[in-house]
Amino acid sequence: MVARLPAPPPDMTDPGFARTRSPLAMFEGITTGNLDALMPPFGNSLTEAERWSLVAYVTTLSTPQEQIDLGQTVYA
């Protein structure tokens, strides 16, 4: 019997992929995990605030630098 390897992890820097996941879906994925894809659940090891912070960080990975620069200009 040949062991089946999981698919490679998604490219969180790809804006196209990022648009397919809502923040709530990412939060739920982080909380419950996906053992078939070797993603452990973090619901018991990270607080709710830490999991939302992780969602916010992962969201920034797919944000183009030009958009970040524009946001900094607007904020300033």
N, C-alpha and C. Protein backbone atom coordinates (compact mmCIF):
# COMPACT_ATOMS: atom_id res chain seq x y z
N MET A 1 0.84 -1.18 0.00
CA MET A 1 0.00 0.00 0.00
C MET A 1 0.89 1.24 0.00
N VAL A 2 0.60 2.17 -0.89
CA VAL A 2 1.38 3.40 -1.01
C VAL A 2 0.69 4.48 -0.18
N ALA A 3 1.49 5.15 0.66
CA ALA A 3 0.93 6.23 1.48
C ALA A 3 0.62 7.43 0.60
N ARG A 4 -0.51 8.02 0.85
CA ARG A 4 -0.91 9.21 0.08
C ARG A 4 -0.45 10.46 0.82
N LEU A 5 0.30 11.28 0.14
CA LEU A 5 0.75 12.53 0.73
C LEU A 5 -0.34 13.58 0.57
N PRO A 6 -0.46 14.47 1.54
CA PRO A 6 -1.45 15.53 1.40
C PRO A 6 -1.03 16.52 0.30
N ALA A 7 -1.99 17.26 -0.18
CA ALA A 7 -1.70 18.31 -1.17
C ALA A 7 -0.81 19.35 -0.51
N PRO A 8 -0.02 20.06 -1.30
CA PRO A 8 0.81 21.12 -0.71
C PRO A 8 -0.09 22.18 -0.07
N PRO A 9 0.44 22.89 0.91
CA PRO A 9 -0.38 23.92 1.55
C PRO A 9 -0.74 25.02 0.56
N PRO A 10 -1.86 25.70 0.80
CA PRO A 10 -2.25 26.77 -0.12
C PRO A 10 -1.26 27.93 -0.07
N ASP A 11 -1.19 28.66 -1.17
CA ASP A 11 -0.30 29.82 -1.26
C ASP A 11 -1.04 31.02 -0.68
N MET A 12 -0.75 31.34 0.55
CA MET A 12 -1.44 32.44 1.24
C MET A 12 -1.01 33.81 0.72
N THR A 13 -0.01 33.86 -0.14
CA THR A 13 0.40 35.14 -0.73
C THR A 13 -0.33 35.43 -2.03
N ASP A 14 -1.12 34.48 -2.51
CA ASP A 14 -1.85 34.63 -3.76
C ASP A 14 -3.18 35.35 -3.51
N PRO A 15 -3.33 36.58 -4.04
CA PRO A 15 -4.58 37.32 -3.82
C PRO A 15 -5.81 36.56 -4.32
N GLY A 16 -5.67 35.80 -5.41
CA GLY A 16 -6.79 35.01 -5.91
C GLY A 16 -7.25 33.97 -4.90
N PHE A 17 -6.31 33.29 -4.28
CA PHE A 17 -6.67 32.31 -3.26
C PHE A 17 -7.27 33.01 -2.04
N ALA A 18 -6.68 34.13 -1.65
CA ALA A 18 -7.14 34.84 -0.46
C ALA A 18 -8.61 35.24 -0.59
N ARG A 19 -9.04 35.59 -1.80
CA ARG A 19 -10.43 36.00 -2.00
C ARG A 19 -11.39 34.84 -1.86
N THR A 20 -10.89 33.61 -1.87
CA THR A 20 -11.79 32.45 -1.75
C THR A 20 -12.06 32.08 -0.29
N ARG A 21 -11.38 32.73 0.64
CA ARG A 21 -11.53 32.41 2.06
C ARG A 21 -11.96 33.65 2.85
N SER A 22 -13.05 33.53 3.58
CA SER A 22 -13.47 34.63 4.43
C SER A 22 -12.64 34.59 5.72
N PRO A 23 -12.55 35.72 6.41
CA PRO A 23 -11.84 35.71 7.70
C PRO A 23 -12.43 34.67 8.67
N LEU A 24 -13.75 34.51 8.67
CA LEU A 24 -14.36 33.53 9.56
C LEU A 24 -13.95 32.11 9.18
N ALA A 25 -13.88 31.82 7.89
CA ALA A 25 -13.46 30.49 7.45
C ALA A 25 -12.01 30.22 7.86
N MET A 26 -11.15 31.23 7.74
CA MET A 26 -9.76 31.07 8.17
C MET A 26 -9.70 30.83 9.69
N PHE A 27 -10.47 31.60 10.44
CA PHE A 27 -10.50 31.44 11.89
C PHE A 27 -10.94 30.03 12.27
N GLU A 28 -11.99 29.55 11.62
CA GLU A 28 -12.49 28.20 11.92
C GLU A 28 -11.46 27.14 11.54
N GLY A 29 -10.75 27.35 10.42
CA GLY A 29 -9.71 26.41 10.02
C GLY A 29 -8.56 26.37 11.01
N ILE A 30 -8.17 27.51 11.51
CA ILE A 30 -7.10 27.58 12.51
C ILE A 30 -7.57 26.92 13.80
N THR A 31 -8.81 27.16 14.16
CA THR A 31 -9.36 26.63 15.41
C THR A 31 -9.49 25.11 15.38
N THR A 32 -10.10 24.58 14.31
CA THR A 32 -10.39 23.14 14.25
C THR A 32 -9.33 22.33 13.53
N GLY A 33 -8.50 23.00 12.71
CA GLY A 33 -7.46 22.29 11.98
C GLY A 33 -8.03 21.47 10.84
N ASN A 34 -7.14 20.76 10.16
CA ASN A 34 -7.51 19.85 9.08
C ASN A 34 -6.43 18.77 9.06
N LEU A 35 -6.65 17.72 9.82
CA LEU A 35 -5.63 16.69 9.97
C LEU A 35 -5.33 15.96 8.67
N ASP A 36 -6.30 15.92 7.74
CA ASP A 36 -6.04 15.30 6.43
C ASP A 36 -4.96 16.06 5.67
N ALA A 37 -4.85 17.36 5.93
CA ALA A 37 -3.84 18.19 5.28
C ALA A 37 -2.67 18.49 6.22
N LEU A 38 -2.60 17.75 7.32
CA LEU A 38 -1.53 17.89 8.33
C LEU A 38 -1.55 19.25 9.03
N MET A 39 -2.73 19.87 9.11
CA MET A 39 -2.89 21.14 9.82
C MET A 39 -3.50 20.82 11.18
N PRO A 40 -2.72 21.00 12.25
CA PRO A 40 -3.26 20.70 13.58
C PRO A 40 -4.24 21.78 14.03
N PRO A 41 -5.15 21.42 14.92
CA PRO A 41 -6.05 22.44 15.48
C PRO A 41 -5.31 23.29 16.52
N PHE A 42 -5.62 24.56 16.54
CA PHE A 42 -5.00 25.47 17.50
C PHE A 42 -6.01 26.05 18.49
N GLY A 43 -7.22 25.49 18.50
CA GLY A 43 -8.27 25.98 19.39
C GLY A 43 -7.95 25.87 20.86
N ASN A 44 -7.12 24.90 21.23
CA ASN A 44 -6.78 24.72 22.65
C ASN A 44 -5.43 25.33 23.01
N SER A 45 -4.63 25.68 22.03
CA SER A 45 -3.29 26.20 22.34
C SER A 45 -3.15 27.70 22.10
N LEU A 46 -4.07 28.30 21.37
CA LEU A 46 -4.05 29.75 21.15
C LEU A 46 -5.36 30.33 21.66
N THR A 47 -5.30 31.50 22.24
CA THR A 47 -6.53 32.15 22.68
C THR A 47 -7.32 32.61 21.46
N GLU A 48 -8.57 32.98 21.69
CA GLU A 48 -9.40 33.47 20.59
C GLU A 48 -8.76 34.72 19.97
N ALA A 49 -8.25 35.61 20.80
CA ALA A 49 -7.61 36.83 20.29
C ALA A 49 -6.37 36.49 19.46
N GLU A 50 -5.59 35.50 19.89
CA GLU A 50 -4.40 35.10 19.14
C GLU A 50 -4.78 34.51 17.79
N ARG A 51 -5.87 33.74 17.75
CA ARG A 51 -6.31 33.16 16.48
C ARG A 51 -6.80 34.25 15.53
N TRP A 52 -7.50 35.26 16.03
CA TRP A 52 -7.93 36.37 15.18
C TRP A 52 -6.72 37.18 14.72
N SER A 53 -5.73 37.34 15.57
CA SER A 53 -4.51 38.04 15.16
C SER A 53 -3.82 37.28 14.03
N LEU A 54 -3.83 35.97 14.11
CA LEU A 54 -3.24 35.15 13.05
C LEU A 54 -4.00 35.32 11.75
N VAL A 55 -5.33 35.37 11.82
CA VAL A 55 -6.14 35.62 10.62
C VAL A 55 -5.76 36.97 10.01
N ALA A 56 -5.62 37.99 10.85
CA ALA A 56 -5.26 39.32 10.36
C ALA A 56 -3.89 39.28 9.69
N TYR A 57 -2.94 38.58 10.29
CA TYR A 57 -1.60 38.49 9.70
C TYR A 57 -1.64 37.75 8.37
N VAL A 58 -2.31 36.62 8.32
CA VAL A 58 -2.36 35.82 7.09
C VAL A 58 -3.00 36.65 5.97
N THR A 59 -3.99 37.46 6.32
CA THR A 59 -4.64 38.32 5.32
C THR A 59 -3.64 39.29 4.71
N THR A 60 -2.71 39.79 5.50
CA THR A 60 -1.73 40.75 4.98
C THR A 60 -0.77 40.10 3.99
N LEU A 61 -0.60 38.80 4.04
CA LEU A 61 0.36 38.13 3.15
C LEU A 61 -0.04 38.28 1.69
N SER A 62 -1.33 38.43 1.41
CA SER A 62 -1.78 38.51 0.02
C SER A 62 -2.09 39.95 -0.40
N THR A 63 -1.76 40.91 0.45
CA THR A 63 -2.02 42.31 0.12
C THR A 63 -0.82 42.88 -0.62
N PRO A 64 -1.03 43.38 -1.85
CA PRO A 64 0.10 43.94 -2.62
C PRO A 64 0.72 45.14 -1.91
N GLN A 65 2.02 45.31 -2.06
CA GLN A 65 2.75 46.39 -1.39
C GLN A 65 2.17 47.76 -1.74
N GLU A 66 1.73 47.94 -3.00
CA GLU A 66 1.16 49.23 -3.39
C GLU A 66 -0.07 49.56 -2.56
N GLN A 67 -0.88 48.55 -2.27
CA GLN A 67 -2.08 48.76 -1.47
C GLN A 67 -1.71 49.10 -0.02
N ILE A 68 -0.69 48.47 0.50
CA ILE A 68 -0.22 48.77 1.85
C ILE A 68 0.30 50.20 1.92
N ASP A 69 1.09 50.59 0.91
CA ASP A 69 1.62 51.96 0.87
C ASP A 69 0.50 52.99 0.81
N LEU A 70 -0.52 52.72 -0.02
CA LEU A 70 -1.66 53.62 -0.12
C LEU A 70 -2.39 53.71 1.22
N GLY A 71 -2.57 52.59 1.87
CA GLY A 71 -3.24 52.58 3.17
C GLY A 71 -2.45 53.38 4.21
N GLN A 72 -1.13 53.27 4.18
CA GLN A 72 -0.31 54.04 5.12
C GLN A 72 -0.45 55.53 4.85
N THR A 73 -0.52 55.91 3.57
CA THR A 73 -0.68 57.33 3.22
C THR A 73 -2.04 57.84 3.72
N VAL A 74 -3.08 57.08 3.49
CA VAL A 74 -4.42 57.48 3.94
C VAL A 74 -4.46 57.58 5.46
N TYR A 75 -3.85 56.61 6.14
CA TYR A 75 -3.84 56.60 7.60
C TYR A 75 -3.09 57.81 8.16
N ALA A 76 -1.96 58.16 7.53
CA ALA A 76 -1.15 59.29 8.01
C ALA A 76 -1.89 60.58 7.77
